C-alpha atoms as a PDB file:
ATOM      1  CA  MET A   1      49.007 103.153 140.499  1.00  0.00           C
ATOM      2  CA  LYS A   2      50.010 105.555 144.149  1.00  0.00           C
ATOM      3  CA  THR A   3      48.474 104.217 147.545  1.00  0.00           C
ATOM      4  CA  LEU A   4      48.639 105.965 150.560  1.00  0.00           C
ATOM      5  CA  ARG A   5      48.087 104.370 154.361  1.00  0.00           C
ATOM      6  CA  ILE A   6      45.630 106.462 155.917  1.00  0.00           C
ATOM      7  CA  THR A   7      45.358 106.420 160.184  1.00  0.00           C
ATOM      8  CA  VAL A   8      43.017 107.934 162.077  1.00  0.00           C
ATOM      9  CA  GLY A   9      42.488 107.800 165.704  1.00  0.00           C
ATOM     10  CA  GLY A  10      45.634 105.228 165.635  1.00  0.00           C
ATOM     11  CA  GLN A  11      42.744 102.295 165.304  1.00  0.00           C
ATOM     12  CA  PHE A  12      41.400 102.749 162.201  1.00  0.00           C
ATOM     13  CA  VAL A  13      43.923 101.980 159.050  1.00  0.00           C
ATOM     14  CA  TYR A  14      43.203 102.362 155.577  1.00  0.00           C
ATOM     15  CA  THR A  15      44.700 101.730 151.876  1.00  0.00           C
ATOM     16  CA  ALA A  16      43.712 104.047 149.718  1.00  0.00           C
ATOM     17  CA  ARG A  17      44.483 104.985 146.008  1.00  0.00           C
ATOM     18  CA  MET A  18      45.329 108.536 144.513  1.00  0.00           C
ATOM     19  CA  GLU A  19      43.213 109.399 141.857  1.00  0.00           C
ATOM     20  CA  THR A  20      46.074 110.823 139.994  1.00  0.00           C
ATOM     21  CA  GLU A  21      44.732 110.295 136.243  1.00  0.00           C
ATOM     22  CA  ASN A  22      41.525 112.361 137.642  1.00  0.00           C
ATOM     23  CA  ALA A  23      42.628 114.632 139.856  1.00  0.00           C
ATOM     24  CA  PRO A  24      46.274 114.913 138.744  1.00  0.00           C
ATOM     25  CA  LEU A  25      46.816 118.548 140.051  1.00  0.00           C
ATOM     26  CA  THR A  26      45.854 118.049 143.809  1.00  0.00           C
ATOM     27  CA  CYS A  27      47.855 114.533 143.975  1.00  0.00           C
ATOM     28  CA  ALA A  28      50.934 116.326 143.393  1.00  0.00           C
ATOM     29  CA  ALA A  29      50.144 119.050 145.752  1.00  0.00           C
ATOM     30  CA  PHE A  30      49.295 116.925 148.512  1.00  0.00           C
ATOM     31  CA  GLU A  31      51.780 114.111 147.885  1.00  0.00           C
ATOM     32  CA  LYS A  32      54.469 116.856 148.374  1.00  0.00           C
ATOM     33  CA  LEU A  33      52.914 117.105 152.087  1.00  0.00           C
ATOM     34  CA  LEU A  34      53.540 113.254 152.847  1.00  0.00           C
ATOM     35  CA  PRO A  35      53.948 112.070 155.619  1.00  0.00           C
ATOM     36  CA  TYR A  36      50.561 114.521 156.350  1.00  0.00           C
ATOM     37  CA  ARG A  37      49.697 114.918 160.348  1.00  0.00           C
ATOM     38  CA  GLN A  38      46.473 116.875 161.321  1.00  0.00           C
ATOM     39  CA  LYS A  39      43.257 116.555 163.142  1.00  0.00           C
ATOM     40  CA  ILE A  40      39.683 115.126 162.079  1.00  0.00           C
ATOM     41  CA  ILE A  41      36.484 116.435 163.495  1.00  0.00           C
ATOM     42  CA  HIS A  42      33.025 115.033 162.784  1.00  0.00           C
ATOM     43  CA  ALA A  43      31.802 117.358 160.080  1.00  0.00           C
ATOM     44  CA  ARG A  44      28.534 119.807 160.896  1.00  0.00           C
ATOM     45  CA  TRP A  45      26.856 120.018 157.831  1.00  0.00           C
ATOM     46  CA  SER A  46      27.938 117.527 155.189  1.00  0.00           C
ATOM     47  CA  GLY A  47      25.952 114.407 156.493  1.00  0.00           C
ATOM     48  CA  GLU A  48      28.238 111.314 157.553  1.00  0.00           C
ATOM     49  CA  ALA A  49      31.499 112.474 157.141  1.00  0.00           C
ATOM     50  CA  CYS A  50      34.432 113.743 158.543  1.00  0.00           C
ATOM     51  CA  TRP A  51      36.743 116.697 158.305  1.00  0.00           C
ATOM     52  CA  ILE A  52      39.650 118.303 158.352  1.00  0.00           C
ATOM     53  CA  PRO A  53      39.272 122.174 159.214  1.00  0.00           C
ATOM     54  CA  LEU A  54      42.591 124.105 157.535  1.00  0.00           C
ATOM     55  CA  GLY A  55      41.564 127.540 157.226  1.00  0.00           C
ATOM     56  CA  GLU A  56      43.479 130.056 155.073  1.00  0.00           C
ATOM     57  CA  PHE A  57      45.700 126.645 153.810  1.00  0.00           C
ATOM     58  CA  GLU A  58      46.753 127.122 150.312  1.00  0.00           C
ATOM     59  CA  LEU A  59      47.249 124.385 148.225  1.00  0.00           C
ATOM     60  CA  GLY A  60      47.990 125.644 145.050  1.00  0.00           C
ATOM     61  CA  VAL A  61      45.376 123.734 143.612  1.00  0.00           C
ATOM     62  CA  SER A  62      41.803 124.778 142.138  1.00  0.00           C
ATOM     63  CA  PHE A  63      38.893 122.773 140.857  1.00  0.00           C
ATOM     64  CA  GLU A  64      39.063 119.227 139.291  1.00  0.00           C
ATOM     65  CA  ASN A  65      37.248 116.001 139.575  1.00  0.00           C
ATOM     66  CA  HIS A  66      34.953 117.795 142.252  1.00  0.00           C
ATOM     67  CA  THR A  67      31.756 116.240 143.254  1.00  0.00           C
ATOM     68  CA  SER A  68      29.313 117.709 146.329  1.00  0.00           C
ATOM     69  CA  HIS A  69      28.248 113.831 146.742  1.00  0.00           C
ATOM     70  CA  PRO A  70      31.187 111.603 147.330  1.00  0.00           C
ATOM     71  CA  SER A  71      30.650 108.118 148.201  1.00  0.00           C
ATOM     72  CA  ARG A  72      31.618 106.660 151.006  1.00  0.00           C
ATOM     73  CA  GLY A  73      35.203 106.487 151.216  1.00  0.00           C
ATOM     74  CA  ASP A  74      35.714 108.914 148.656  1.00  0.00           C
ATOM     75  CA  ILE A  75      37.814 111.920 149.993  1.00  0.00           C
ATOM     76  CA  LEU A  76      37.292 115.042 148.902  1.00  0.00           C
ATOM     77  CA  PHE A  77      39.774 118.004 148.923  1.00  0.00           C
ATOM     78  CA  TYR A  78      38.100 121.559 148.830  1.00  0.00           C
ATOM     79  CA  PRO A  79      40.714 124.482 147.850  1.00  0.00           C
ATOM     80  CA  GLY A  80      38.648 127.111 149.814  1.00  0.00           C
ATOM     81  CA  GLY A  81      36.580 130.380 148.331  1.00  0.00           C
ATOM     82  CA  TYR A  82      33.165 130.329 149.716  1.00  0.00           C
ATOM     83  CA  SER A  83      33.939 128.031 152.858  1.00  0.00           C
ATOM     84  CA  GLU A  84      37.463 127.245 154.529  1.00  0.00           C
ATOM     85  CA  THR A  85      40.039 125.245 153.053  1.00  0.00           C
ATOM     86  CA  GLU A  86      39.454 121.760 154.331  1.00  0.00           C
ATOM     87  CA  ILE A  87      39.613 117.727 153.268  1.00  0.00           C
ATOM     88  CA  LEU A  88      36.495 115.759 153.675  1.00  0.00           C
ATOM     89  CA  PHE A  89      35.942 112.255 154.779  1.00  0.00           C
ATOM     90  CA  PRO A  90      32.665 110.526 154.408  1.00  0.00           C
ATOM     91  CA  TYR A  91      32.007 107.387 156.157  1.00  0.00           C
ATOM     92  CA  GLY A  92      28.268 107.106 155.245  1.00  0.00           C
ATOM     93  CA  SER A  93      25.919 108.986 152.864  1.00  0.00           C
ATOM     94  CA  ALA A  94      27.067 112.863 152.652  1.00  0.00           C
ATOM     95  CA  CYS A  95      26.393 115.783 150.720  1.00  0.00           C
ATOM     96  CA  PHE A  96      29.196 117.838 151.132  1.00  0.00           C
ATOM     97  CA  ALA A  97      28.242 121.835 152.178  1.00  0.00           C
ATOM     98  CA  SER A  98      28.887 124.445 154.207  1.00  0.00           C
ATOM     99  CA  LYS A  99      26.266 127.357 155.902  1.00  0.00           C
ATOM    100  CA  MET A 100      27.115 128.779 152.763  1.00  0.00           C
ATOM    101  CA  GLY A 101      25.502 126.461 151.104  1.00  0.00           C
ATOM    102  CA  GLN A 102      26.346 123.432 148.864  1.00  0.00           C
ATOM    103  CA  LEU A 103      30.333 122.949 148.353  1.00  0.00           C
ATOM    104  CA  ALA A 104      31.954 120.690 145.674  1.00  0.00           C
ATOM    105  CA  GLY A 105      35.538 119.579 146.425  1.00  0.00           C
ATOM    106  CA  ASN A 106      38.249 117.335 144.262  1.00  0.00           C
ATOM    107  CA  HIS A 107      38.094 114.138 144.550  1.00  0.00           C
ATOM    108  CA  PHE A 108      41.363 112.796 145.167  1.00  0.00           C
ATOM    109  CA  LEU A 109      41.983 109.654 147.244  1.00  0.00           C
ATOM    110  CA  THR A 110      39.792 106.432 147.059  1.00  0.00           C
ATOM    111  CA  LEU A 111      39.448 103.956 149.650  1.00  0.00           C
ATOM    112  CA  LEU A 112      40.487 100.385 148.837  1.00  0.00           C
ATOM    113  CA  ASP A 113      40.198  98.578 151.975  1.00  0.00           C
ATOM    114  CA  GLY A 114      38.497  99.076 155.823  1.00  0.00           C
ATOM    115  CA  HIS A 115      34.890  99.888 154.306  1.00  0.00           C
ATOM    116  CA  ASP A 116      33.852  97.930 157.244  1.00  0.00           C
ATOM    117  CA  GLN A 117      35.628  99.976 159.662  1.00  0.00           C
ATOM    118  CA  LEU A 118      34.188 103.394 158.222  1.00  0.00           C
ATOM    119  CA  ALA A 119      30.994 103.535 160.736  1.00  0.00           C
ATOM    120  CA  ALA A 120      32.676 102.642 163.400  1.00  0.00           C
ATOM    121  CA  MET A 121      35.046 105.196 162.860  1.00  0.00           C
ATOM    122  CA  GLY A 122      32.683 108.011 162.289  1.00  0.00           C
ATOM    123  CA  ARG A 123      31.281 107.210 165.523  1.00  0.00           C
ATOM    124  CA  THR A 124      34.720 107.254 167.474  1.00  0.00           C
ATOM    125  CA  VAL A 125      35.337 110.928 165.665  1.00  0.00           C
ATOM    126  CA  LEU A 126      31.618 111.952 166.597  1.00  0.00           C
ATOM    127  CA  TRP A 127      31.003 110.613 170.259  1.00  0.00           C
ATOM    128  CA  GLN A 128      35.217 110.932 171.675  1.00  0.00           C
ATOM    129  CA  GLY A 129      35.891 114.328 169.516  1.00  0.00           C
ATOM    130  CA  ALA A 130      39.195 114.972 167.624  1.00  0.00           C
ATOM    131  CA  GLN A 131      40.899 112.621 166.281  1.00  0.00           C
ATOM    132  CA  ASP A 132      44.923 112.060 165.499  1.00  0.00           C
ATOM    133  CA  ILE A 133      44.777 111.490 161.457  1.00  0.00           C
ATOM    134  CA  VAL A 134      48.021 110.186 159.527  1.00  0.00           C
ATOM    135  CA  PHE A 135      48.146 110.045 155.557  1.00  0.00           C
ATOM    136  CA  GLU A 136      51.704 108.235 154.696  1.00  0.00           C
ATOM    137  CA  ALA A 137      52.721 107.169 151.281  1.00  0.00           C
ATOM    138  CA  LEU A 138      52.855 103.109 150.765  1.00  0.00           C
END
């Protein structure tokens, strides 16, 4: 099992399992980017979720293991198409969407711990704005 450490805002730390069996192409492509640093902001359309907008970035994958209804802690990669490329990080109830309507993203990471920190992380991103996020191999 491949695992990552995800740190948000320097204060929220999670361990996540890569879903290599169900999203092998997405996991393999994302793993090549590690350590991966970005900014995470609050989602506009998807409910209790944060997102990493990636614009026209291409990871070189299409849909696999995709869903519109992730559970909290199920991290999705959207390869683009109807909306810009992005990573969705749900911290509560979410339905993945954009101004174009409902979307589906590749469920490629699942949090193994830190679920008790998710609501606080979401509130921090909502009320304090963009936070640094780092994905690192363990």
